[in-house]
Amino acid sequence: MPEGLKDAEKCIELDPTFVKGYTRKGAVQYFMKEYDKALETYREGLKYDSNNQELLEGIRTYVYWSTFLDCVLNILVLILTAIMCA
């Protein structure tokens, strides 16, 4: 487990209302490509500060990239289908 993740989890353990712990944990999870875990962490942090811009930005980034990747995947399926039918 990366040191940054351990530190963030310890922050949350010591003070579950310390929102910075959630932003740090979510960022580490995101960069570890654990996107769904990062989203859950950002949402958990919003329970304590619903206007925290770092948490909201983490969620926006997740939504943007997941939507983008879904579109790319759909395009690839269409291309492969067209190739197979040709």
N, C-alpha and C. Protein backbone atom coordinates (compact mmCIF):
# COMPACT_ATOMS: atom_id res chain seq x y z
N MET A 1 0.86 -1.18 0.00
CA MET A 1 0.00 0.00 0.00
C MET A 1 0.90 1.24 0.00
N PRO A 2 0.64 2.18 -0.89
CA PRO A 2 1.45 3.41 -0.94
C PRO A 2 1.37 4.19 0.37
N GLU A 3 2.47 4.83 0.69
CA GLU A 3 2.57 5.60 1.93
C GLU A 3 1.50 6.69 2.00
N GLY A 4 1.24 7.35 0.88
CA GLY A 4 0.24 8.41 0.86
C GLY A 4 -1.15 7.91 1.22
N LEU A 5 -1.47 6.71 0.77
CA LEU A 5 -2.77 6.12 1.08
C LEU A 5 -2.84 5.79 2.57
N LYS A 6 -1.76 5.23 3.11
CA LYS A 6 -1.73 4.93 4.55
C LYS A 6 -1.92 6.20 5.38
N ASP A 7 -1.22 7.26 4.98
CA ASP A 7 -1.33 8.52 5.71
C ASP A 7 -2.75 9.07 5.67
N ALA A 8 -3.37 9.02 4.50
CA ALA A 8 -4.73 9.54 4.36
C ALA A 8 -5.71 8.73 5.20
N GLU A 9 -5.55 7.41 5.17
CA GLU A 9 -6.44 6.56 5.96
C GLU A 9 -6.25 6.80 7.45
N LYS A 10 -5.02 7.06 7.87
CA LYS A 10 -4.76 7.36 9.28
C LYS A 10 -5.42 8.68 9.67
N CYS A 11 -5.35 9.67 8.78
CA CYS A 11 -6.01 10.96 9.03
C CYS A 11 -7.51 10.75 9.26
N ILE A 12 -8.12 9.96 8.41
CA ILE A 12 -9.56 9.71 8.50
C ILE A 12 -9.88 8.92 9.77
N GLU A 13 -9.01 7.97 10.09
CA GLU A 13 -9.22 7.18 11.31
C GLU A 13 -9.17 8.07 12.56
N LEU A 14 -8.20 8.99 12.59
CA LEU A 14 -8.05 9.87 13.75
C LEU A 14 -9.17 10.90 13.85
N ASP A 15 -9.62 11.39 12.69
CA ASP A 15 -10.69 12.39 12.67
C ASP A 15 -11.52 12.22 11.40
N PRO A 16 -12.59 11.45 11.48
CA PRO A 16 -13.41 11.19 10.29
C PRO A 16 -14.00 12.45 9.65
N THR A 17 -14.01 13.56 10.35
CA THR A 17 -14.54 14.80 9.78
C THR A 17 -13.46 15.64 9.09
N PHE A 18 -12.21 15.20 9.13
CA PHE A 18 -11.10 15.92 8.49
C PHE A 18 -11.14 15.66 6.99
N VAL A 19 -11.74 16.59 6.28
CA VAL A 19 -12.03 16.42 4.85
C VAL A 19 -10.76 16.26 4.02
N LYS A 20 -9.68 16.89 4.43
CA LYS A 20 -8.43 16.79 3.68
C LYS A 20 -7.98 15.33 3.57
N GLY A 21 -8.28 14.53 4.57
CA GLY A 21 -7.95 13.10 4.49
C GLY A 21 -8.66 12.42 3.33
N TYR A 22 -9.90 12.80 3.09
CA TYR A 22 -10.67 12.21 1.99
C TYR A 22 -10.14 12.69 0.63
N THR A 23 -9.77 13.97 0.55
CA THR A 23 -9.24 14.46 -0.73
C THR A 23 -7.93 13.77 -1.06
N ARG A 24 -7.10 13.58 -0.05
CA ARG A 24 -5.81 12.91 -0.27
C ARG A 24 -6.01 11.45 -0.63
N LYS A 25 -6.87 10.77 0.11
CA LYS A 25 -7.12 9.35 -0.15
C LYS A 25 -7.71 9.16 -1.55
N GLY A 26 -8.69 9.99 -1.91
CA GLY A 26 -9.29 9.90 -3.24
C GLY A 26 -8.28 10.13 -4.34
N ALA A 27 -7.39 11.10 -4.15
CA ALA A 27 -6.38 11.40 -5.16
C ALA A 27 -5.43 10.22 -5.35
N VAL A 28 -5.00 9.63 -4.24
CA VAL A 28 -4.09 8.48 -4.33
C VAL A 28 -4.80 7.32 -5.04
N GLN A 29 -6.03 7.06 -4.66
CA GLN A 29 -6.78 5.97 -5.30
C GLN A 29 -6.95 6.24 -6.79
N TYR A 30 -7.23 7.47 -7.14
CA TYR A 30 -7.41 7.82 -8.55
C TYR A 30 -6.13 7.54 -9.34
N PHE A 31 -4.99 7.98 -8.79
CA PHE A 31 -3.73 7.78 -9.51
C PHE A 31 -3.27 6.33 -9.49
N MET A 32 -3.86 5.51 -8.60
CA MET A 32 -3.59 4.08 -8.60
C MET A 32 -4.55 3.37 -9.56
N LYS A 33 -5.36 4.15 -10.27
CA LYS A 33 -6.37 3.65 -11.22
C LYS A 33 -7.49 2.88 -10.52
N GLU A 34 -7.72 3.19 -9.26
CA GLU A 34 -8.84 2.63 -8.50
C GLU A 34 -9.97 3.67 -8.51
N TYR A 35 -10.50 3.90 -9.71
CA TYR A 35 -11.43 4.99 -9.93
C TYR A 35 -12.71 4.89 -9.11
N ASP A 36 -13.29 3.70 -9.04
CA ASP A 36 -14.53 3.55 -8.28
C ASP A 36 -14.30 3.78 -6.79
N LYS A 37 -13.16 3.33 -6.29
CA LYS A 37 -12.84 3.58 -4.88
C LYS A 37 -12.64 5.07 -4.63
N ALA A 38 -11.99 5.74 -5.56
CA ALA A 38 -11.77 7.18 -5.42
C ALA A 38 -13.11 7.91 -5.38
N LEU A 39 -14.01 7.54 -6.26
CA LEU A 39 -15.33 8.18 -6.29
C LEU A 39 -16.04 7.99 -4.94
N GLU A 40 -15.99 6.79 -4.42
CA GLU A 40 -16.62 6.51 -3.13
C GLU A 40 -15.98 7.33 -2.01
N THR A 41 -14.68 7.47 -2.05
CA THR A 41 -13.98 8.28 -1.04
C THR A 41 -14.38 9.75 -1.14
N TYR A 42 -14.44 10.28 -2.36
CA TYR A 42 -14.86 11.67 -2.53
C TYR A 42 -16.29 11.87 -2.01
N ARG A 43 -17.16 10.93 -2.31
CA ARG A 43 -18.56 11.04 -1.84
C ARG A 43 -18.62 10.97 -0.31
N GLU A 44 -17.82 10.11 0.28
CA GLU A 44 -17.79 10.00 1.74
C GLU A 44 -17.35 11.33 2.37
N GLY A 45 -16.35 11.95 1.79
CA GLY A 45 -15.88 13.24 2.30
C GLY A 45 -16.92 14.33 2.19
N LEU A 46 -17.74 14.28 1.14
CA LEU A 46 -18.79 15.28 0.97
C LEU A 46 -19.84 15.24 2.07
N LYS A 47 -19.92 14.13 2.77
CA LYS A 47 -20.86 14.05 3.91
C LYS A 47 -20.47 15.04 5.00
N TYR A 48 -19.20 15.38 5.06
CA TYR A 48 -18.70 16.29 6.11
C TYR A 48 -18.54 17.72 5.61
N ASP A 49 -18.39 17.89 4.30
CA ASP A 49 -18.27 19.23 3.72
C ASP A 49 -18.79 19.17 2.29
N SER A 50 -20.09 19.42 2.14
CA SER A 50 -20.73 19.25 0.84
C SER A 50 -20.31 20.28 -0.21
N ASN A 51 -19.58 21.31 0.21
CA ASN A 51 -19.13 22.34 -0.73
C ASN A 51 -17.63 22.30 -0.99
N ASN A 52 -16.95 21.26 -0.53
CA ASN A 52 -15.50 21.19 -0.69
C ASN A 52 -15.14 21.05 -2.17
N GLN A 53 -14.42 22.04 -2.68
CA GLN A 53 -14.12 22.09 -4.11
C GLN A 53 -13.19 20.97 -4.57
N GLU A 54 -12.26 20.55 -3.73
CA GLU A 54 -11.37 19.45 -4.12
C GLU A 54 -12.14 18.15 -4.28
N LEU A 55 -13.05 17.88 -3.36
CA LEU A 55 -13.87 16.67 -3.47
C LEU A 55 -14.78 16.74 -4.70
N LEU A 56 -15.40 17.90 -4.90
CA LEU A 56 -16.28 18.06 -6.06
C LEU A 56 -15.51 17.94 -7.37
N GLU A 57 -14.30 18.47 -7.40
CA GLU A 57 -13.48 18.37 -8.60
C GLU A 57 -13.07 16.92 -8.86
N GLY A 58 -12.79 16.16 -7.80
CA GLY A 58 -12.49 14.75 -7.96
C GLY A 58 -13.65 14.00 -8.59
N ILE A 59 -14.86 14.31 -8.15
CA ILE A 59 -16.05 13.67 -8.72
C ILE A 59 -16.25 14.10 -10.17
N ARG A 60 -16.07 15.39 -10.45
CA ARG A 60 -16.21 15.87 -11.83
C ARG A 60 -15.21 15.18 -12.75
N THR A 61 -14.00 15.02 -12.29
CA THR A 61 -12.97 14.36 -13.09
C THR A 61 -13.36 12.91 -13.38
N TYR A 62 -13.84 12.23 -12.35
CA TYR A 62 -14.29 10.84 -12.52
C TYR A 62 -15.41 10.76 -13.56
N VAL A 63 -16.41 11.62 -13.42
CA VAL A 63 -17.55 11.60 -14.34
C VAL A 63 -17.10 11.92 -15.76
N TYR A 64 -16.24 12.92 -15.91
CA TYR A 64 -15.76 13.31 -17.24
C TYR A 64 -15.06 12.14 -17.93
N TRP A 65 -14.08 11.54 -17.24
CA TRP A 65 -13.30 10.49 -17.87
C TRP A 65 -14.09 9.21 -18.07
N SER A 66 -14.97 8.88 -17.14
CA SER A 66 -15.76 7.67 -17.34
C SER A 66 -16.72 7.84 -18.51
N THR A 67 -17.28 9.03 -18.68
CA THR A 67 -18.15 9.31 -19.82
C THR A 67 -17.35 9.27 -21.12
N PHE A 68 -16.19 9.88 -21.11
CA PHE A 68 -15.32 9.89 -22.28
C PHE A 68 -14.94 8.47 -22.69
N LEU A 69 -14.53 7.66 -21.72
CA LEU A 69 -14.13 6.29 -22.03
C LEU A 69 -15.30 5.45 -22.53
N ASP A 70 -16.49 5.69 -21.99
CA ASP A 70 -17.67 4.99 -22.49
C ASP A 70 -17.92 5.33 -23.96
N CYS A 71 -17.76 6.60 -24.31
CA CYS A 71 -17.95 7.02 -25.70
C CYS A 71 -16.92 6.37 -26.61
N VAL A 72 -15.68 6.35 -26.18
CA VAL A 72 -14.62 5.72 -26.98
C VAL A 72 -14.91 4.24 -27.18
N LEU A 73 -15.33 3.58 -26.13
CA LEU A 73 -15.65 2.16 -26.22
C LEU A 73 -16.80 1.92 -27.20
N ASN A 74 -17.83 2.75 -27.15
CA ASN A 74 -18.95 2.62 -28.08
C ASN A 74 -18.52 2.83 -29.52
N ILE A 75 -17.64 3.78 -29.74
CA ILE A 75 -17.13 4.03 -31.10
C ILE A 75 -16.34 2.83 -31.59
N LEU A 76 -15.51 2.26 -30.72
CA LEU A 76 -14.73 1.08 -31.11
C LEU A 76 -15.64 -0.10 -31.45
N VAL A 77 -16.69 -0.27 -30.69
CA VAL A 77 -17.64 -1.36 -30.98
C VAL A 77 -18.28 -1.14 -32.35
N LEU A 78 -18.66 0.09 -32.64
CA LEU A 78 -19.26 0.40 -33.95
C LEU A 78 -18.28 0.13 -35.09
N ILE A 79 -17.03 0.53 -34.90
CA ILE A 79 -16.01 0.31 -35.93
C ILE A 79 -15.78 -1.18 -36.15
N LEU A 80 -15.64 -1.92 -35.06
CA LEU A 80 -15.41 -3.36 -35.19
C LEU A 80 -16.61 -4.06 -35.82
N THR A 81 -17.80 -3.63 -35.48
CA THR A 81 -19.00 -4.21 -36.07
C THR A 81 -19.03 -3.94 -37.57
N ALA A 82 -18.69 -2.71 -37.97
CA ALA A 82 -18.67 -2.36 -39.38
C ALA A 82 -17.62 -3.18 -40.14
N ILE A 83 -16.46 -3.38 -39.52
CA ILE A 83 -15.40 -4.16 -40.15
C ILE A 83 -15.82 -5.61 -40.32
N MET A 84 -16.46 -6.15 -39.30
CA MET A 84 -16.86 -7.56 -39.35
C MET A 84 -18.00 -7.79 -40.35
N CYS A 85 -18.83 -6.77 -40.55
CA CYS A 85 -19.95 -6.91 -41.48
C CYS A 85 -19.56 -6.61 -42.93
N ALA A 86 -18.40 -6.05 -43.11
CA ALA A 86 -17.97 -5.66 -44.47
C ALA A 86 -17.49 -6.83 -45.27
